[in-house]
Amino acid sequence: MPDDQAKAVVINTTPLIALTAATGSLDVLRSLYTRVVVPYEVAEEIRVGGKDAFGLDVFEQTSWLEIRQCEIALPAYLQNSLDRGEASVIQTAIQDGIELVCIDEAVAVESRAYRS
């Protein structure tokens, strides 16, 4: 595995919002990882509240986030057990060979563990 993949993470909506609420920024992610991948579906969840959505300003101003620009095809087993955000995080990690995900859903954590 390339070194940049070893320090990469695919992240979900709630952890991004929680970090923004706790610290006012997402800089802790940059200090921990060389790549922080945000699936399109996660970006859309953050943006859904409009310009006044909590954390949107921090999210949009964080230029080093790798925000995907299009939806990812989701297998039925992920679509049927998780919401689009968690499912897209797991599928993106699988597709890109990224071993680490940051999600807040117990079912999603179990799903990712079974695929590893």
N, C-alpha and C. Protein backbone atom coordinates (compact mmCIF):
# COMPACT_ATOMS: atom_id res chain seq x y z
N MET A 1 0.84 -1.18 0.00
CA MET A 1 0.00 0.00 0.00
C MET A 1 0.88 1.24 0.00
N PRO A 2 0.60 2.20 -0.89
CA PRO A 2 1.37 3.45 -0.91
C PRO A 2 1.25 4.17 0.42
N ASP A 3 2.31 4.89 0.79
CA ASP A 3 2.33 5.58 2.07
C ASP A 3 1.19 6.58 2.22
N ASP A 4 0.79 7.28 1.14
CA ASP A 4 -0.28 8.25 1.27
C ASP A 4 -1.62 7.58 1.56
N GLN A 5 -1.81 6.32 1.12
CA GLN A 5 -3.02 5.59 1.43
C GLN A 5 -3.04 5.20 2.92
N ALA A 6 -1.88 4.94 3.48
CA ALA A 6 -1.80 4.56 4.89
C ALA A 6 -2.22 5.70 5.80
N LYS A 7 -2.08 6.93 5.33
CA LYS A 7 -2.44 8.08 6.13
C LYS A 7 -3.69 8.78 5.60
N ALA A 8 -4.52 8.03 4.89
CA ALA A 8 -5.74 8.58 4.32
C ALA A 8 -6.94 8.13 5.14
N VAL A 9 -8.00 8.94 5.10
CA VAL A 9 -9.25 8.61 5.76
C VAL A 9 -10.40 9.10 4.89
N VAL A 10 -11.48 8.33 4.89
CA VAL A 10 -12.72 8.75 4.27
C VAL A 10 -13.66 9.08 5.41
N ILE A 11 -14.26 10.26 5.37
CA ILE A 11 -14.99 10.76 6.55
C ILE A 11 -16.46 11.04 6.23
N ASN A 12 -17.28 10.86 7.25
CA ASN A 12 -18.73 11.05 7.17
C ASN A 12 -19.15 12.42 7.73
N THR A 13 -20.41 12.73 7.59
CA THR A 13 -20.96 14.03 7.96
C THR A 13 -20.83 14.36 9.45
N THR A 14 -21.31 13.50 10.32
CA THR A 14 -21.33 13.81 11.75
C THR A 14 -19.94 14.08 12.32
N PRO A 15 -18.93 13.29 12.01
CA PRO A 15 -17.60 13.64 12.53
C PRO A 15 -17.11 15.01 12.06
N LEU A 16 -17.40 15.38 10.81
CA LEU A 16 -17.01 16.71 10.33
C LEU A 16 -17.71 17.81 11.12
N ILE A 17 -19.00 17.65 11.33
CA ILE A 17 -19.76 18.66 12.08
C ILE A 17 -19.34 18.68 13.54
N ALA A 18 -19.10 17.51 14.13
CA ALA A 18 -18.68 17.45 15.53
C ALA A 18 -17.32 18.11 15.75
N LEU A 19 -16.39 17.88 14.84
CA LEU A 19 -15.08 18.53 14.96
C LEU A 19 -15.21 20.05 14.82
N THR A 20 -16.06 20.49 13.91
CA THR A 20 -16.29 21.92 13.74
C THR A 20 -16.90 22.51 15.00
N ALA A 21 -17.86 21.82 15.59
CA ALA A 21 -18.50 22.30 16.82
C ALA A 21 -17.52 22.34 17.98
N ALA A 22 -16.66 21.33 18.07
CA ALA A 22 -15.74 21.23 19.21
C ALA A 22 -14.55 22.17 19.10
N THR A 23 -14.05 22.36 17.87
CA THR A 23 -12.79 23.10 17.73
C THR A 23 -12.90 24.35 16.87
N GLY A 24 -14.00 24.48 16.13
CA GLY A 24 -14.15 25.62 15.24
C GLY A 24 -13.42 25.47 13.92
N SER A 25 -12.80 24.31 13.68
CA SER A 25 -12.10 24.07 12.42
C SER A 25 -11.98 22.56 12.19
N LEU A 26 -11.39 22.22 11.07
CA LEU A 26 -11.12 20.81 10.75
C LEU A 26 -9.63 20.53 10.72
N ASP A 27 -8.84 21.46 11.26
CA ASP A 27 -7.39 21.37 11.19
C ASP A 27 -6.81 20.12 11.85
N VAL A 28 -7.48 19.58 12.85
CA VAL A 28 -6.97 18.37 13.50
C VAL A 28 -6.87 17.23 12.49
N LEU A 29 -7.78 17.18 11.53
CA LEU A 29 -7.72 16.14 10.50
C LEU A 29 -6.47 16.29 9.65
N ARG A 30 -6.14 17.52 9.32
CA ARG A 30 -4.96 17.78 8.50
C ARG A 30 -3.68 17.38 9.24
N SER A 31 -3.69 17.52 10.54
CA SER A 31 -2.50 17.13 11.30
C SER A 31 -2.37 15.62 11.46
N LEU A 32 -3.46 14.90 11.29
CA LEU A 32 -3.45 13.45 11.45
C LEU A 32 -3.31 12.66 10.15
N TYR A 33 -3.81 13.23 9.05
CA TYR A 33 -3.89 12.49 7.80
C TYR A 33 -3.31 13.29 6.63
N THR A 34 -2.74 12.58 5.66
CA THR A 34 -2.25 13.24 4.45
C THR A 34 -3.38 13.47 3.46
N ARG A 35 -4.41 12.65 3.53
CA ARG A 35 -5.59 12.79 2.67
C ARG A 35 -6.84 12.62 3.50
N VAL A 36 -7.79 13.55 3.32
CA VAL A 36 -9.10 13.44 3.95
C VAL A 36 -10.11 13.48 2.81
N VAL A 37 -10.72 12.33 2.54
CA VAL A 37 -11.64 12.18 1.42
C VAL A 37 -13.07 12.34 1.91
N VAL A 38 -13.82 13.20 1.23
CA VAL A 38 -15.23 13.44 1.55
C VAL A 38 -16.05 13.02 0.33
N PRO A 39 -16.82 11.94 0.44
CA PRO A 39 -17.66 11.54 -0.68
C PRO A 39 -18.68 12.62 -1.04
N TYR A 40 -19.09 12.65 -2.29
CA TYR A 40 -20.09 13.60 -2.79
C TYR A 40 -21.34 13.59 -1.90
N GLU A 41 -21.80 12.40 -1.54
CA GLU A 41 -23.03 12.27 -0.75
C GLU A 41 -22.88 12.94 0.62
N VAL A 42 -21.70 12.86 1.21
CA VAL A 42 -21.44 13.51 2.50
C VAL A 42 -21.44 15.03 2.33
N ALA A 43 -20.78 15.50 1.28
CA ALA A 43 -20.75 16.94 1.01
C ALA A 43 -22.17 17.47 0.83
N GLU A 44 -23.01 16.72 0.14
CA GLU A 44 -24.40 17.14 -0.07
C GLU A 44 -25.17 17.18 1.25
N GLU A 45 -24.92 16.23 2.15
CA GLU A 45 -25.57 16.25 3.47
C GLU A 45 -25.20 17.51 4.24
N ILE A 46 -23.96 17.91 4.14
CA ILE A 46 -23.52 19.13 4.84
C ILE A 46 -24.15 20.37 4.21
N ARG A 47 -24.25 20.37 2.91
CA ARG A 47 -24.78 21.54 2.18
C ARG A 47 -26.29 21.65 2.19
N VAL A 48 -26.99 20.61 2.56
CA VAL A 48 -28.45 20.57 2.45
C VAL A 48 -29.15 21.68 3.25
N GLY A 49 -28.54 22.14 4.31
CA GLY A 49 -29.14 23.18 5.14
C GLY A 49 -29.02 24.58 4.58
N GLY A 50 -28.38 24.70 3.44
CA GLY A 50 -28.23 26.02 2.84
C GLY A 50 -27.08 26.79 3.45
N LYS A 51 -26.98 28.06 3.07
CA LYS A 51 -25.83 28.87 3.48
C LYS A 51 -25.73 29.08 4.98
N ASP A 52 -26.82 28.87 5.71
CA ASP A 52 -26.81 29.06 7.16
C ASP A 52 -26.62 27.75 7.93
N ALA A 53 -26.39 26.65 7.23
CA ALA A 53 -26.19 25.36 7.89
C ALA A 53 -24.96 25.40 8.79
N PHE A 54 -25.07 24.82 9.96
CA PHE A 54 -23.95 24.81 10.90
C PHE A 54 -22.75 24.10 10.28
N GLY A 55 -21.61 24.74 10.34
CA GLY A 55 -20.37 24.15 9.87
C GLY A 55 -20.11 24.28 8.39
N LEU A 56 -21.08 24.74 7.63
CA LEU A 56 -20.90 24.84 6.18
C LEU A 56 -19.76 25.79 5.83
N ASP A 57 -19.67 26.91 6.50
CA ASP A 57 -18.60 27.87 6.20
C ASP A 57 -17.22 27.26 6.41
N VAL A 58 -17.03 26.55 7.51
CA VAL A 58 -15.75 25.89 7.78
C VAL A 58 -15.47 24.82 6.73
N PHE A 59 -16.48 24.02 6.43
CA PHE A 59 -16.34 22.95 5.43
C PHE A 59 -15.92 23.52 4.07
N GLU A 60 -16.62 24.54 3.61
CA GLU A 60 -16.35 25.10 2.29
C GLU A 60 -15.01 25.82 2.23
N GLN A 61 -14.52 26.33 3.35
CA GLN A 61 -13.26 27.07 3.37
C GLN A 61 -12.03 26.18 3.58
N THR A 62 -12.26 24.89 3.83
CA THR A 62 -11.16 23.97 4.07
C THR A 62 -10.71 23.40 2.73
N SER A 63 -9.75 24.07 2.13
CA SER A 63 -9.35 23.77 0.75
C SER A 63 -8.62 22.44 0.58
N TRP A 64 -8.08 21.89 1.63
CA TRP A 64 -7.30 20.66 1.52
C TRP A 64 -8.15 19.40 1.59
N LEU A 65 -9.46 19.53 1.87
CA LEU A 65 -10.33 18.36 1.84
C LEU A 65 -10.45 17.87 0.40
N GLU A 66 -10.44 16.57 0.20
CA GLU A 66 -10.62 15.99 -1.12
C GLU A 66 -12.11 15.65 -1.28
N ILE A 67 -12.86 16.63 -1.76
CA ILE A 67 -14.31 16.48 -1.89
C ILE A 67 -14.62 15.92 -3.27
N ARG A 68 -15.24 14.75 -3.29
CA ARG A 68 -15.58 14.12 -4.56
C ARG A 68 -16.69 14.90 -5.25
N GLN A 69 -16.64 14.92 -6.56
CA GLN A 69 -17.54 15.75 -7.35
C GLN A 69 -18.73 15.00 -7.95
N CYS A 70 -18.77 13.69 -7.78
CA CYS A 70 -19.91 12.94 -8.31
C CYS A 70 -20.25 11.77 -7.38
N GLU A 71 -21.49 11.32 -7.50
CA GLU A 71 -21.97 10.21 -6.67
C GLU A 71 -21.21 8.93 -6.99
N ILE A 72 -21.17 8.06 -6.02
CA ILE A 72 -20.54 6.76 -6.19
C ILE A 72 -21.65 5.71 -6.29
N ALA A 73 -21.45 4.71 -7.13
CA ALA A 73 -22.42 3.62 -7.23
C ALA A 73 -22.36 2.79 -5.95
N LEU A 74 -23.52 2.60 -5.35
CA LEU A 74 -23.58 1.89 -4.07
C LEU A 74 -24.18 0.50 -4.27
N PRO A 75 -23.51 -0.54 -3.75
CA PRO A 75 -24.08 -1.88 -3.83
C PRO A 75 -25.33 -1.99 -2.95
N ALA A 76 -26.20 -2.91 -3.32
CA ALA A 76 -27.49 -3.07 -2.62
C ALA A 76 -27.31 -3.32 -1.12
N TYR A 77 -26.32 -4.12 -0.74
CA TYR A 77 -26.17 -4.43 0.69
C TYR A 77 -25.87 -3.18 1.52
N LEU A 78 -25.19 -2.20 0.94
CA LEU A 78 -24.94 -0.94 1.66
C LEU A 78 -26.17 -0.04 1.62
N GLN A 79 -26.83 0.03 0.47
CA GLN A 79 -28.03 0.86 0.34
C GLN A 79 -29.13 0.41 1.29
N ASN A 80 -29.22 -0.89 1.51
CA ASN A 80 -30.31 -1.44 2.32
C ASN A 80 -30.06 -1.38 3.81
N SER A 81 -28.84 -1.10 4.23
CA SER A 81 -28.56 -1.14 5.67
C SER A 81 -28.06 0.20 6.24
N LEU A 82 -27.69 1.15 5.38
CA LEU A 82 -27.12 2.40 5.85
C LEU A 82 -27.72 3.58 5.10
N ASP A 83 -27.55 4.78 5.66
CA ASP A 83 -27.95 5.95 4.88
C ASP A 83 -26.90 6.22 3.82
N ARG A 84 -27.21 7.11 2.89
CA ARG A 84 -26.33 7.36 1.74
C ARG A 84 -24.94 7.83 2.16
N GLY A 85 -24.86 8.64 3.22
CA GLY A 85 -23.56 9.15 3.66
C GLY A 85 -22.64 8.03 4.12
N GLU A 86 -23.11 7.23 5.07
CA GLU A 86 -22.29 6.13 5.58
C GLU A 86 -21.96 5.13 4.47
N ALA A 87 -22.95 4.81 3.65
CA ALA A 87 -22.73 3.85 2.56
C ALA A 87 -21.67 4.37 1.59
N SER A 88 -21.72 5.65 1.27
CA SER A 88 -20.74 6.21 0.34
C SER A 88 -19.34 6.27 0.95
N VAL A 89 -19.25 6.47 2.25
CA VAL A 89 -17.94 6.45 2.92
C VAL A 89 -17.32 5.06 2.79
N ILE A 90 -18.08 4.04 3.09
CA ILE A 90 -17.56 2.68 3.03
C ILE A 90 -17.21 2.29 1.60
N GLN A 91 -18.11 2.59 0.65
CA GLN A 91 -17.84 2.22 -0.74
C GLN A 91 -16.64 2.98 -1.30
N THR A 92 -16.50 4.24 -0.96
CA THR A 92 -15.34 5.02 -1.42
C THR A 92 -14.05 4.42 -0.87
N ALA A 93 -14.07 4.05 0.40
CA ALA A 93 -12.88 3.44 1.00
C ALA A 93 -12.52 2.13 0.32
N ILE A 94 -13.52 1.31 0.06
CA ILE A 94 -13.28 0.04 -0.62
C ILE A 94 -12.73 0.28 -2.02
N GLN A 95 -13.40 1.14 -2.75
CA GLN A 95 -13.02 1.41 -4.14
C GLN A 95 -11.63 2.01 -4.27
N ASP A 96 -11.26 2.89 -3.33
CA ASP A 96 -9.97 3.57 -3.39
C ASP A 96 -8.86 2.88 -2.60
N GLY A 97 -9.19 1.78 -1.94
CA GLY A 97 -8.17 1.06 -1.16
C GLY A 97 -7.73 1.80 0.08
N ILE A 98 -8.62 2.58 0.65
CA ILE A 98 -8.32 3.33 1.88
C ILE A 98 -8.83 2.51 3.06
N GLU A 99 -7.95 2.21 3.98
CA GLU A 99 -8.30 1.30 5.08
C GLU A 99 -9.04 1.95 6.23
N LEU A 100 -9.00 3.26 6.33
CA LEU A 100 -9.57 3.93 7.49
C LEU A 100 -10.77 4.78 7.11
N VAL A 101 -11.86 4.59 7.87
CA VAL A 101 -13.04 5.44 7.70
C VAL A 101 -13.37 6.07 9.05
N CYS A 102 -14.01 7.22 8.99
CA CYS A 102 -14.46 7.91 10.20
C CYS A 102 -15.97 8.09 10.08
N ILE A 103 -16.70 7.21 10.76
CA ILE A 103 -18.16 7.22 10.74
C ILE A 103 -18.69 7.06 12.14
N ASP A 104 -19.96 7.38 12.31
CA ASP A 104 -20.55 7.37 13.64
C ASP A 104 -21.68 6.36 13.79
N GLU A 105 -21.86 5.50 12.84
CA GLU A 105 -22.96 4.54 12.83
C GLU A 105 -22.42 3.15 13.13
N ALA A 106 -22.92 2.51 14.19
CA ALA A 106 -22.42 1.20 14.59
C ALA A 106 -22.59 0.17 13.48
N VAL A 107 -23.73 0.18 12.79
CA VAL A 107 -23.95 -0.77 11.70
C VAL A 107 -22.92 -0.56 10.60
N ALA A 108 -22.59 0.68 10.31
CA ALA A 108 -21.60 0.98 9.27
C ALA A 108 -20.22 0.48 9.67
N VAL A 109 -19.88 0.64 10.92
CA VAL A 109 -18.58 0.16 11.41
C VAL A 109 -18.50 -1.35 11.24
N GLU A 110 -19.57 -2.05 11.60
CA GLU A 110 -19.60 -3.50 11.45
C GLU A 110 -19.52 -3.90 9.99
N SER A 111 -20.21 -3.20 9.12
CA SER A 111 -20.20 -3.49 7.69
C SER A 111 -18.80 -3.37 7.13
N ARG A 112 -18.09 -2.31 7.48
CA ARG A 112 -16.73 -2.08 6.99
C ARG A 112 -15.79 -3.16 7.52
N ALA A 113 -15.99 -3.57 8.76
CA ALA A 113 -15.12 -4.58 9.35
C ALA A 113 -15.26 -5.91 8.62
N TYR A 114 -16.46 -6.26 8.19
CA TYR A 114 -16.66 -7.51 7.49
C TYR A 114 -16.07 -7.50 6.10
N ARG A 115 -15.91 -6.32 5.48
CA ARG A 115 -15.37 -6.23 4.14
C ARG A 115 -13.85 -6.22 4.13
N SER A 116 -13.22 -5.97 5.25
CA SER A 116 -11.75 -5.87 5.30
C SER A 116 -11.10 -7.22 5.21
